[in-house]
Every structure is written in structure tokens, then in C-alpha cells.
Amino acid sequence: MKRCSHLKLLSANCRLAPGRSDTEAAAGQWQDYFGVRSEGSELVFTNSRLKFVPGVTGQPEGLDSITIEVTGKERYDHMLDLAKQDGIYDNGCVIMLGVKWYFVLKEGGGESTRSKL
């Protein structure tokens, strides 16, 4: 755990099945499963959020994106440089396993800021 202490899961987005758009109903259903509160289309956990987004024709339901906070600009820059070298960085995010991974920088004890390169 100490090796990855500079990383923190902030949120994940789950896409509904094609043609499904009632994200609040989905959040309400999963609220009961997890026993956490929902706010609109999001489930609010202690340290992260799970948001439901409408289905898209031609795309499967399931995990759409993940947002990870990275502490320290040097680590943040290094991660994105490696992703670019490997050809998996595209339009502001890293694409792995068909999932968009967004990384946001947290410097020291300050607030997170999403940076686009």
C-alpha cells in the first residue's frame, strides 16, 4: 500500500446499456445494494463517487471511466509521459482495456486539479 500511497481513486463512471438513460434510477438501485446515499446519478462513498451515465448506441454497458488523483507533479508528469510513449494517451486521458483513465494532479496538501496536456 505504501508503494501506491501517491494514488487515490476519486471516481468511476458506469455507462448504462444502450437505450437506457435513467441514471438516477440506476443510482437508486445500487444505493440499496451498497448501503450508501445517492445524489442524483451518483453514489457517494466515504472517499470516492460512482456516477452512472446514459447508455450509448454501439458501446457496451459497464465501466466507462476512472479518475485517479496523483500526489506530486513529478510522478504525475512521469505517468503521462510513459502513457504517451506507449501510445495509450488520447485526448486528455489514458485508454486502457477500453476504459478512459483520467489523472488529476494534487500537489502537496492542496486541492486536486485536472490538467489536460
C-alpha atoms as a PDB file:
ATOM      1  CA  MET A   1       0.000   0.000   0.000  1.00  0.00           C
ATOM      2  CA  LYS A   2       2.808   2.413   0.803  1.00  0.00           C
ATOM      3  CA  ARG A   3       4.186   1.944  -2.723  1.00  0.00           C
ATOM      4  CA  CYS A   4       0.950   3.370  -4.178  1.00  0.00           C
ATOM      5  CA  SER A   5       0.128   5.919  -1.489  1.00  0.00           C
ATOM      6  CA  HIS A   6       0.526   8.717  -4.070  1.00  0.00           C
ATOM      7  CA  LEU A   7      -2.571   7.405  -5.900  1.00  0.00           C
ATOM      8  CA  LYS A   8      -6.184   7.836  -4.790  1.00  0.00           C
ATOM      9  CA  LEU A   9      -9.383   6.728  -6.525  1.00  0.00           C
ATOM     10  CA  LEU A  10     -11.652   9.763  -6.838  1.00  0.00           C
ATOM     11  CA  SER A  11     -14.459   8.464  -9.016  1.00  0.00           C
ATOM     12  CA  ALA A  12     -15.680   5.961 -11.572  1.00  0.00           C
ATOM     13  CA  ASN A  13     -18.355   6.290 -14.244  1.00  0.00           C
ATOM     14  CA  CYS A  14     -20.532   3.367 -15.277  1.00  0.00           C
ATOM     15  CA  ARG A  15     -22.356   3.516 -18.589  1.00  0.00           C
ATOM     16  CA  LEU A  16     -25.868   2.080 -18.764  1.00  0.00           C
ATOM     17  CA  ALA A  17     -26.913  -0.282 -21.555  1.00  0.00           C
ATOM     18  CA  PRO A  18     -27.645   1.285 -24.966  1.00  0.00           C
ATOM     19  CA  GLY A  19     -31.047   2.954 -24.917  1.00  0.00           C
ATOM     20  CA  ARG A  20     -31.099   3.282 -21.130  1.00  0.00           C
ATOM     21  CA  SER A  21     -30.927   6.820 -19.783  1.00  0.00           C
ATOM     22  CA  ASP A  22     -32.444   6.844 -16.285  1.00  0.00           C
ATOM     23  CA  THR A  23     -29.198   7.350 -14.405  1.00  0.00           C
ATOM     24  CA  GLU A  24     -30.942   8.403 -11.190  1.00  0.00           C
ATOM     25  CA  ALA A  25     -32.924   5.147 -11.094  1.00  0.00           C
ATOM     26  CA  ALA A  26     -29.693   3.196 -11.584  1.00  0.00           C
ATOM     27  CA  ALA A  27     -28.068   5.091  -8.718  1.00  0.00           C
ATOM     28  CA  GLY A  28     -31.116   4.418  -6.541  1.00  0.00           C
ATOM     29  CA  GLN A  29     -30.940   0.687  -7.264  1.00  0.00           C
ATOM     30  CA  TRP A  30     -27.243   0.453  -6.460  1.00  0.00           C
ATOM     31  CA  GLN A  31     -27.685   2.679  -3.408  1.00  0.00           C
ATOM     32  CA  ASP A  32     -29.696  -0.138  -1.865  1.00  0.00           C
ATOM     33  CA  TYR A  33     -27.058  -2.747  -2.756  1.00  0.00           C
ATOM     34  CA  PHE A  34     -24.162  -0.797  -1.282  1.00  0.00           C
ATOM     35  CA  GLY A  35     -25.981   0.902   1.560  1.00  0.00           C
ATOM     36  CA  VAL A  36     -24.689   4.381   0.689  1.00  0.00           C
ATOM     37  CA  ARG A  37     -26.550   7.544  -0.213  1.00  0.00           C
ATOM     38  CA  SER A  38     -27.073   8.796  -3.732  1.00  0.00           C
ATOM     39  CA  GLU A  39     -27.082  12.332  -5.099  1.00  0.00           C
ATOM     40  CA  GLY A  40     -28.801  12.386  -8.468  1.00  0.00           C
ATOM     41  CA  SER A  41     -26.936   9.930 -10.669  1.00  0.00           C
ATOM     42  CA  GLU A  42     -24.036   9.437  -8.224  1.00  0.00           C
ATOM     43  CA  LEU A  43     -23.377   7.144  -5.303  1.00  0.00           C
ATOM     44  CA  VAL A  44     -21.433   8.903  -2.564  1.00  0.00           C
ATOM     45  CA  PHE A  45     -18.904   6.717  -0.779  1.00  0.00           C
ATOM     46  CA  THR A  46     -16.657   7.892   2.048  1.00  0.00           C
ATOM     47  CA  ASN A  47     -13.740   8.803  -0.209  1.00  0.00           C
ATOM     48  CA  SER A  48     -14.980   8.456  -3.796  1.00  0.00           C
ATOM     49  CA  ARG A  49     -18.025   8.584  -6.073  1.00  0.00           C
ATOM     50  CA  LEU A  50     -19.650   6.249  -8.568  1.00  0.00           C
ATOM     51  CA  LYS A  51     -21.587   8.005 -11.314  1.00  0.00           C
ATOM     52  CA  PHE A  52     -23.987   6.468 -13.811  1.00  0.00           C
ATOM     53  CA  VAL A  53     -24.046   7.876 -17.343  1.00  0.00           C
ATOM     54  CA  PRO A  54     -26.596   7.192 -20.119  1.00  0.00           C
ATOM     55  CA  GLY A  55     -26.116   4.289 -22.490  1.00  0.00           C
ATOM     56  CA  VAL A  56     -24.638   4.953 -25.911  1.00  0.00           C
ATOM     57  CA  THR A  57     -25.590   3.097 -29.081  1.00  0.00           C
ATOM     58  CA  GLY A  58     -22.694   0.940 -30.217  1.00  0.00           C
ATOM     59  CA  GLN A  59     -20.955   0.952 -26.830  1.00  0.00           C
ATOM     60  CA  PRO A  60     -21.363  -1.720 -24.171  1.00  0.00           C
ATOM     61  CA  GLU A  61     -22.697  -1.094 -20.706  1.00  0.00           C
ATOM     62  CA  GLY A  62     -20.167  -1.127 -17.897  1.00  0.00           C
ATOM     63  CA  LEU A  63     -17.154   0.785 -16.707  1.00  0.00           C
ATOM     64  CA  ASP A  64     -16.657   3.928 -18.806  1.00  0.00           C
ATOM     65  CA  SER A  65     -14.014   5.928 -16.945  1.00  0.00           C
ATOM     66  CA  ILE A  66     -11.960   6.151 -13.775  1.00  0.00           C
ATOM     67  CA  THR A  67     -10.451   9.279 -12.205  1.00  0.00           C
ATOM     68  CA  ILE A  68      -7.285   8.893 -10.135  1.00  0.00           C
ATOM     69  CA  GLU A  69      -5.644  11.621  -8.070  1.00  0.00           C
ATOM     70  CA  VAL A  70      -1.833  11.656  -8.220  1.00  0.00           C
ATOM     71  CA  THR A  71       0.130  13.428  -5.480  1.00  0.00           C
ATOM     72  CA  GLY A  72       3.252  15.165  -6.765  1.00  0.00           C
ATOM     73  CA  LYS A  73       3.825  16.839 -10.112  1.00  0.00           C
ATOM     74  CA  GLU A  74       6.919  14.762 -10.893  1.00  0.00           C
ATOM     75  CA  ARG A  75       5.019  11.463 -10.520  1.00  0.00           C
ATOM     76  CA  TYR A  76       2.048  12.867 -12.440  1.00  0.00           C
ATOM     77  CA  ASP A  77       4.206  14.070 -15.342  1.00  0.00           C
ATOM     78  CA  HIS A  78       6.127  10.778 -15.408  1.00  0.00           C
ATOM     79  CA  MET A  79       2.925   8.708 -15.612  1.00  0.00           C
ATOM     80  CA  LEU A  80       1.571  10.759 -18.506  1.00  0.00           C
ATOM     81  CA  ASP A  81       4.935  10.737 -20.313  1.00  0.00           C
ATOM     82  CA  LEU A  82       5.009   6.929 -20.144  1.00  0.00           C
ATOM     83  CA  ALA A  83       1.426   6.714 -21.408  1.00  0.00           C
ATOM     84  CA  LYS A  84       2.305   8.944 -24.354  1.00  0.00           C
ATOM     85  CA  GLN A  85       5.405   6.872 -25.152  1.00  0.00           C
ATOM     86  CA  ASP A  86       3.286   3.706 -25.101  1.00  0.00           C
ATOM     87  CA  GLY A  87       0.681   5.295 -27.383  1.00  0.00           C
ATOM     88  CA  ILE A  88      -2.196   4.949 -24.893  1.00  0.00           C
ATOM     89  CA  TYR A  89      -2.665   8.662 -24.168  1.00  0.00           C
ATOM     90  CA  ASP A  90      -5.505  10.189 -26.180  1.00  0.00           C
ATOM     91  CA  ASN A  91      -7.488  13.402 -25.880  1.00  0.00           C
ATOM     92  CA  GLY A  92      -6.762  14.126 -22.219  1.00  0.00           C
ATOM     93  CA  CYS A  93      -6.904  10.585 -20.853  1.00  0.00           C
ATOM     94  CA  VAL A  94      -5.173   7.228 -20.903  1.00  0.00           C
ATOM     95  CA  ILE A  95      -7.083   4.432 -22.626  1.00  0.00           C
ATOM     96  CA  MET A  96      -6.504   1.012 -21.037  1.00  0.00           C
ATOM     97  CA  LEU A  97      -8.723  -2.033 -21.508  1.00  0.00           C
ATOM     98  CA  GLY A  98     -11.334   0.112 -23.240  1.00  0.00           C
ATOM     99  CA  VAL A  99     -11.663   2.342 -20.171  1.00  0.00           C
ATOM    100  CA  LYS A 100     -10.744   6.042 -20.025  1.00  0.00           C
ATOM    101  CA  TRP A 101      -8.398   6.787 -17.128  1.00  0.00           C
ATOM    102  CA  TYR A 102      -8.228  10.426 -16.087  1.00  0.00           C
ATOM    103  CA  PHE A 103      -5.406  11.542 -13.838  1.00  0.00           C
ATOM    104  CA  VAL A 104      -5.620  14.707 -11.762  1.00  0.00           C
ATOM    105  CA  LEU A 105      -2.734  16.365 -10.028  1.00  0.00           C
ATOM    106  CA  LYS A 106      -2.688  17.009  -6.304  1.00  0.00           C
ATOM    107  CA  GLU A 107       0.347  18.967  -5.247  1.00  0.00           C
ATOM    108  CA  GLY A 108       1.292  18.646  -1.591  1.00  0.00           C
ATOM    109  CA  GLY A 109      -1.752  19.189   0.624  1.00  0.00           C
ATOM    110  CA  GLY A 110      -3.643  21.322  -1.886  1.00  0.00           C
ATOM    111  CA  GLU A 111      -6.744  20.694  -3.913  1.00  0.00           C
ATOM    112  CA  SER A 112      -6.833  18.450  -6.963  1.00  0.00           C
ATOM    113  CA  THR A 113      -6.755  20.000 -10.395  1.00  0.00           C
ATOM    114  CA  ARG A 114      -7.442  18.191 -13.640  1.00  0.00           C
ATOM    115  CA  SER A 115      -4.753  19.014 -16.141  1.00  0.00           C
ATOM    116  CA  LYS A 116      -5.006  18.477 -19.848  1.00  0.00           C
ATOM    117  CA  LEU A 117      -1.767  18.167 -21.725  1.00  0.00           C
END
